[in-house]
C-alpha cells in the first residue's frame, strides 16, 4: 500500500477537474475531503491518463525545503547526544517514514508506534493507552504529532513519553507566530578569517496575538484527517505554558529552538528526571 497522498486545497482540486473534464467523475469518486483540503490516495489513481497521474504524482511527491531541513535537525540532534546513552529509540507517529529511512543509516535501533496501521508502525496503539512498558527505550521522539490531540491530553502524553524513555525525549511542535528570520552564511579561507566562517541564524518573534484554533469545530469534523487542535504561539498557548507543562511532567529541558529555515517547527530536547 502506498503512503503517498495528494493533499491540496479544494480550489486546486476543482481546477484540476476543469483541466480534465473527462475524468471529473472518477476524481470525485476517489477524493476525500478534510476541512478545506482535498486528499487523493495515489493507490486509487490507476487507470487515469498519464498526464493526470503525472501531475498528481508531482503534487504527492512535492518536497518542501523547510520540512526537509527539519529532518536534518532531528537527525543532527540525536547524533550529537552521547552514544553511550542512545541506542534504542521509540518514534511516536512515524508518518511517511522519512525519519526512519534516514536513521537506518546509523547504528541505532528504531521502533515505531502509530494509531494508524496504514503507516506500517511496529506497534499499533493509542499513545494515551499504550502497552509500552516504562524505561524500555533510551530515547523517545515525537515530531509534529502532539498537536493532533486536544491540548487537554498534552500533559498525559508527555508523562507517558517520559516514562517510556530512560534518558531523553525529543519533540517538535508547530509554533504559529509572526517573525522575521535572517540567516548569514560565510566561507572565509584566509587563515586569519577562517575562524569566522559558518552560519548564524537570527529569529525575531513579533509578539502579536494569533487567534486560537476552534477546537470544538475541529472535534465536529467527520473526516478527522490531520486536524491541528492547537499550536504554540496562539493566544491560549504561549510557549511558556507549553514549556511549563513539559517540566511538570517529569522532564528537564536541555535545549529548545526553531528550525531557522522553517520557524513554524519548534524543537524541544529534554532529559528524563
Protein backbone atom coordinates (compact mmCIF):
# COMPACT_ATOMS: atom_id res chain seq x y z
CA UNK A 1 0.00 0.00 0.00
CA UNK A 2 1.35 3.43 -0.96
CA UNK A 3 1.81 6.05 1.75
CA UNK A 4 1.71 8.81 -0.82
CA UNK A 5 -1.26 11.13 -0.96
CA UNK A 6 -2.08 14.37 -2.72
CA UNK A 7 -3.03 17.00 -0.15
CA UNK A 8 -4.29 20.15 -1.88
CA UNK A 9 -6.90 22.83 -1.38
CA UNK A 10 -10.40 22.17 -2.60
CA UNK A 11 -9.99 25.08 -5.03
CA UNK A 12 -6.92 23.45 -6.58
CA UNK A 13 -8.82 20.15 -6.80
CA UNK A 14 -11.64 21.89 -8.68
CA UNK A 15 -9.10 23.45 -11.06
CA UNK A 16 -7.67 20.00 -11.82
CA UNK A 17 -11.16 18.70 -12.55
CA UNK A 18 -11.74 21.54 -15.01
CA UNK A 19 -8.50 20.71 -16.82
CA UNK A 20 -9.55 17.05 -17.06
CA UNK A 21 -13.35 17.16 -17.55
CA UNK A 22 -13.48 13.59 -18.88
CA UNK A 23 -12.02 12.34 -15.59
CA UNK A 24 -14.01 14.62 -13.29
CA UNK A 25 -16.42 11.92 -12.11
CA UNK A 26 -13.59 9.49 -11.36
CA UNK A 27 -11.75 12.12 -9.33
CA UNK A 28 -14.93 12.76 -7.34
CA UNK A 29 -15.11 9.04 -6.57
CA UNK A 30 -11.61 8.79 -5.12
CA UNK A 31 -11.28 12.11 -3.29
CA UNK A 32 -11.72 12.56 0.46
CA UNK A 33 -12.36 15.98 1.91
CA UNK A 34 -10.70 17.08 5.13
CA UNK A 35 -11.87 20.53 6.11
CA UNK A 36 -10.52 22.87 3.41
CA UNK A 37 -8.34 20.13 1.90
CA UNK A 38 -8.86 17.52 -0.81
CA UNK A 39 -6.98 14.24 -0.24
CA UNK A 40 -6.26 11.76 -3.04
CA UNK A 41 -4.70 8.37 -2.28
CA UNK A 42 -2.23 7.53 -5.05
CA UNK A 43 -3.20 3.86 -4.77
CA UNK A 44 -6.53 4.78 -6.33
CA UNK A 45 -5.41 6.69 -9.43
CA UNK A 46 -4.74 3.65 -11.61
CA UNK A 47 -6.48 3.93 -14.97
CA UNK A 48 -6.38 7.72 -15.17
CA UNK A 49 -4.47 9.22 -18.13
CA UNK A 50 -0.72 9.54 -17.71
CA UNK A 51 -0.80 13.32 -17.98
CA UNK A 52 -3.16 13.47 -14.99
CA UNK A 53 -1.38 10.83 -12.90
CA UNK A 54 1.96 12.53 -13.57
CA UNK A 55 0.51 15.79 -12.27
CA UNK A 56 -0.92 14.05 -9.21
CA UNK A 57 2.39 12.29 -8.51
CA UNK A 58 4.21 15.62 -8.78
CA UNK A 59 1.89 17.00 -6.11
CA UNK A 60 2.15 13.88 -3.93
CA UNK A 61 5.96 13.82 -4.09
CA UNK A 62 6.39 17.56 -3.63
CA UNK A 63 9.35 18.25 -1.35
CA UNK A 64 9.48 21.32 0.86
CA UNK A 65 12.86 22.72 1.91
CA UNK A 66 11.59 23.80 5.32
CA UNK A 67 10.18 20.39 6.16
CA UNK A 68 13.26 18.61 4.87
CA UNK A 69 15.64 20.71 6.97
CA UNK A 70 13.59 19.65 9.99
CA UNK A 71 14.52 16.03 9.25
CA UNK A 72 18.15 17.15 9.19
CA UNK A 73 17.76 18.79 12.61
CA UNK A 74 16.03 15.72 14.05
CA UNK A 75 18.95 13.55 12.98
CA UNK A 76 21.66 16.06 13.89
CA UNK A 77 20.50 16.46 17.49
CA UNK A 78 20.35 12.69 18.01
CA UNK A 79 23.81 12.10 16.53
CA UNK A 80 25.29 14.74 18.83
CA UNK A 81 24.00 13.05 22.00
CA UNK A 82 26.35 10.68 23.89
CA UNK A 83 26.23 7.38 22.02
CA UNK A 84 26.55 5.51 25.33
CA UNK A 85 23.14 6.90 26.28
CA UNK A 86 21.29 6.45 22.99
CA UNK A 87 20.85 3.22 21.06
CA UNK A 88 17.18 2.21 21.25
CA UNK A 89 14.78 4.89 20.01
CA UNK A 90 10.99 4.92 20.03
CA UNK A 91 9.30 7.14 17.44
CA UNK A 92 5.70 8.19 18.07
CA UNK A 93 3.86 8.93 14.83
CA UNK A 94 6.26 7.89 12.02
CA UNK A 95 4.08 9.36 9.27
CA UNK A 96 5.58 8.66 5.87
CA UNK A 97 8.70 7.09 7.36
CA UNK A 98 11.32 9.61 6.25
CA UNK A 99 12.94 9.83 9.69
CA UNK A 100 13.15 6.04 9.84
CA UNK A 101 14.74 5.83 6.39
CA UNK A 102 17.40 8.35 7.45
CA UNK A 103 18.13 6.80 10.83
CA UNK A 104 18.68 3.33 9.35
CA UNK A 105 21.99 4.62 8.00
CA UNK A 106 23.30 4.97 11.56
CA UNK A 107 23.87 2.50 14.43
CA UNK A 108 20.56 2.86 16.27
CA UNK A 109 17.60 0.56 16.82
CA UNK A 110 14.29 2.25 15.98
CA UNK A 111 10.79 1.13 16.97
CA UNK A 112 7.76 3.00 15.63
CA UNK A 113 4.29 3.47 17.15
CA UNK A 114 1.17 4.80 15.45
CA UNK A 115 -2.56 4.52 15.90
CA UNK A 116 -2.93 4.26 12.11
CA UNK A 117 -1.93 0.82 10.75
CA UNK A 118 -1.63 2.31 7.24
CA UNK A 119 1.64 3.93 8.39
CA UNK A 120 3.11 0.43 8.94
CA UNK A 121 4.31 1.01 12.52
CA UNK A 122 5.95 -1.72 14.59
CA UNK A 123 3.29 -1.20 17.27
CA UNK A 124 -0.29 -0.12 16.57
CA UNK A 125 -1.81 1.58 19.59
CA UNK A 126 -3.24 4.77 21.05
CA UNK A 127 -0.42 6.62 22.79
CA UNK A 128 -2.83 7.51 25.61
CA UNK A 129 -3.47 3.80 26.26
CA UNK A 130 -0.13 2.36 25.27
CA UNK A 131 1.01 -1.13 26.29
CA UNK A 132 4.65 0.00 26.20
CA UNK A 133 6.49 -0.64 29.45
CA UNK A 134 8.38 2.01 31.40
CA UNK A 135 12.07 2.71 30.82
CA UNK A 136 12.36 0.44 27.78
CA UNK A 137 13.91 2.89 25.30
CA UNK A 138 16.94 5.11 25.63
CA UNK A 139 15.14 7.89 23.78
CA UNK A 140 11.63 8.74 22.67
CA UNK A 141 11.00 11.09 19.74
CA UNK A 142 7.73 12.62 18.61
CA UNK A 143 7.78 15.13 15.76
CA UNK A 144 4.80 17.27 14.69
CA UNK A 145 2.27 14.90 16.21
CA UNK A 146 1.17 16.22 19.61
CA UNK A 147 -0.96 18.98 18.09
CA UNK A 148 -3.22 16.30 16.58
CA UNK A 149 -4.61 15.65 20.06
CA UNK A 150 -6.64 18.22 22.02
CA UNK A 151 -4.37 20.06 24.45
CA UNK A 152 -6.14 18.60 27.47
CA UNK A 153 -4.21 15.38 26.71
CA UNK A 154 -0.82 17.09 26.32
CA UNK A 155 0.33 16.60 29.91
CA UNK A 156 -0.65 12.93 29.92
CA UNK A 157 1.17 12.26 26.66
CA UNK A 158 4.34 13.99 27.89
CA UNK A 159 4.13 11.97 31.09
CA UNK A 160 3.83 8.77 29.03
CA UNK A 161 6.78 9.71 26.83
CA UNK A 162 8.94 10.43 29.86
CA UNK A 163 8.00 7.07 31.37
CA UNK A 164 8.91 5.16 28.18
CA UNK A 165 12.35 6.80 27.99
CA UNK A 166 15.43 6.12 30.08
CA UNK A 167 17.38 9.20 29.06
CA UNK A 168 15.89 11.62 26.52
CA UNK A 169 12.64 12.86 24.99
CA UNK A 170 12.87 14.90 21.79
CA UNK A 171 9.76 16.54 20.33
CA UNK A 172 8.80 19.18 17.81
CA UNK A 173 5.57 21.15 17.75
CA UNK A 174 4.07 23.78 15.45
CA UNK A 175 4.80 27.36 16.51
CA UNK A 176 2.40 29.81 14.90
CA UNK A 177 3.72 33.34 15.20
CA UNK A 178 4.75 36.42 13.29
CA UNK A 179 8.51 36.67 12.97
CA UNK A 180 11.49 37.88 10.98
CA UNK A 181 14.33 35.45 10.35
CA UNK A 182 17.81 36.17 9.00
CA UNK A 183 20.49 33.66 8.06
CA UNK A 184 24.09 34.73 7.48
CA UNK A 185 26.45 32.22 5.87
CA UNK A 186 30.12 32.89 5.35
CA UNK A 187 33.01 30.92 3.90
CA UNK A 188 36.35 32.57 4.60
CA UNK A 189 39.50 30.74 3.53
CA UNK A 190 42.05 33.24 4.75
CA UNK A 191 43.99 31.78 7.69
CA UNK A 192 43.11 34.66 9.99
CA UNK A 193 39.47 34.94 8.91
CA UNK A 194 38.54 31.27 8.66
CA UNK A 195 37.53 31.19 12.32
CA UNK A 196 34.60 33.42 11.39
CA UNK A 197 33.28 31.04 8.73
CA UNK A 198 29.99 29.32 9.37
CA UNK A 199 26.34 30.08 9.70
CA UNK A 200 24.47 32.40 12.02
CA UNK A 201 20.69 32.38 12.32
CA UNK A 202 18.58 35.06 13.92
CA UNK A 203 14.83 34.77 14.53
CA UNK A 204 12.97 37.79 15.85
CA UNK A 205 9.45 36.94 17.02
CA UNK A 206 6.81 39.66 16.79
CA UNK A 207 4.52 39.46 19.80
CA UNK A 208 1.22 39.97 18.03
CA UNK A 209 -1.70 37.79 19.09
CA UNK A 210 -2.66 34.91 16.82
CA UNK A 211 -6.19 33.67 17.38
CA UNK A 212 -6.83 30.16 18.67
CA UNK A 213 -7.95 27.26 16.53
CA UNK A 214 -11.61 26.47 17.10
CA UNK A 215 -11.20 23.13 18.89
CA UNK A 216 -14.92 22.40 19.03
CA UNK A 217 -15.19 22.92 15.28
CA UNK A 218 -12.31 20.52 14.73
CA UNK A 219 -13.93 17.94 17.03
CA UNK A 220 -17.09 18.07 14.93
CA UNK A 221 -15.30 17.34 11.66
CA UNK A 222 -16.37 13.97 10.32
CA UNK A 223 -13.15 13.26 8.43
CA UNK A 224 -10.83 13.55 11.48
CA UNK A 225 -7.97 13.86 8.97
CA UNK A 226 -4.94 15.64 10.30
CA UNK A 227 -6.54 18.49 12.25
CA UNK A 228 -4.44 20.74 14.47
CA UNK A 229 -6.30 21.35 17.70
CA UNK A 230 -3.69 23.80 18.99
CA UNK A 231 -0.35 25.39 18.10
CA UNK A 232 2.28 27.12 20.21
CA UNK A 233 2.23 30.88 19.88
CA UNK A 234 -1.53 31.16 19.58
CA UNK A 235 -3.48 33.21 22.12
CA UNK A 236 -4.17 30.43 24.64
CA UNK A 237 -0.93 28.55 24.04
CA UNK A 238 2.10 30.79 24.67
CA UNK A 239 5.31 28.79 24.52
CA UNK A 240 5.86 29.46 28.22
CA UNK A 241 2.72 27.48 29.05
CA UNK A 242 3.85 24.52 26.97
CA UNK A 243 7.36 24.50 28.43
CA UNK A 244 5.92 24.65 31.95
CA UNK A 245 3.66 21.66 31.24
CA UNK A 246 6.65 19.71 29.90
CA UNK A 247 8.69 20.41 33.03
CA UNK A 248 5.81 19.48 35.34
CA UNK A 249 5.56 16.02 33.78
CA UNK A 250 8.96 14.62 34.58
CA UNK A 251 11.29 16.25 32.03
CA UNK A 252 14.22 18.67 32.24
CA UNK A 253 14.53 20.84 29.16
CA UNK A 254 18.06 20.81 27.74
CA UNK A 255 17.55 22.69 24.50
CA UNK A 256 14.79 24.50 22.62
CA UNK A 257 14.98 26.14 19.22
CA UNK A 258 13.20 27.00 15.99
CA UNK A 259 14.17 25.48 12.68
CA UNK A 260 15.87 28.57 11.22
CA UNK A 261 14.72 27.63 7.71
CA UNK A 262 11.17 26.92 8.85
CA UNK A 263 10.42 28.66 12.19
CA UNK A 264 6.97 27.02 12.28
CA UNK A 265 8.76 23.88 13.56
CA UNK A 266 9.91 24.29 17.18
CA UNK A 267 12.14 21.66 18.78
CA UNK A 268 12.44 20.74 22.45
CA UNK A 269 15.08 18.29 23.68
CA UNK A 270 14.67 17.09 27.27
CA UNK A 271 16.29 14.67 29.66
CA UNK A 272 14.30 12.36 31.90
CA UNK A 273 14.28 13.21 35.56
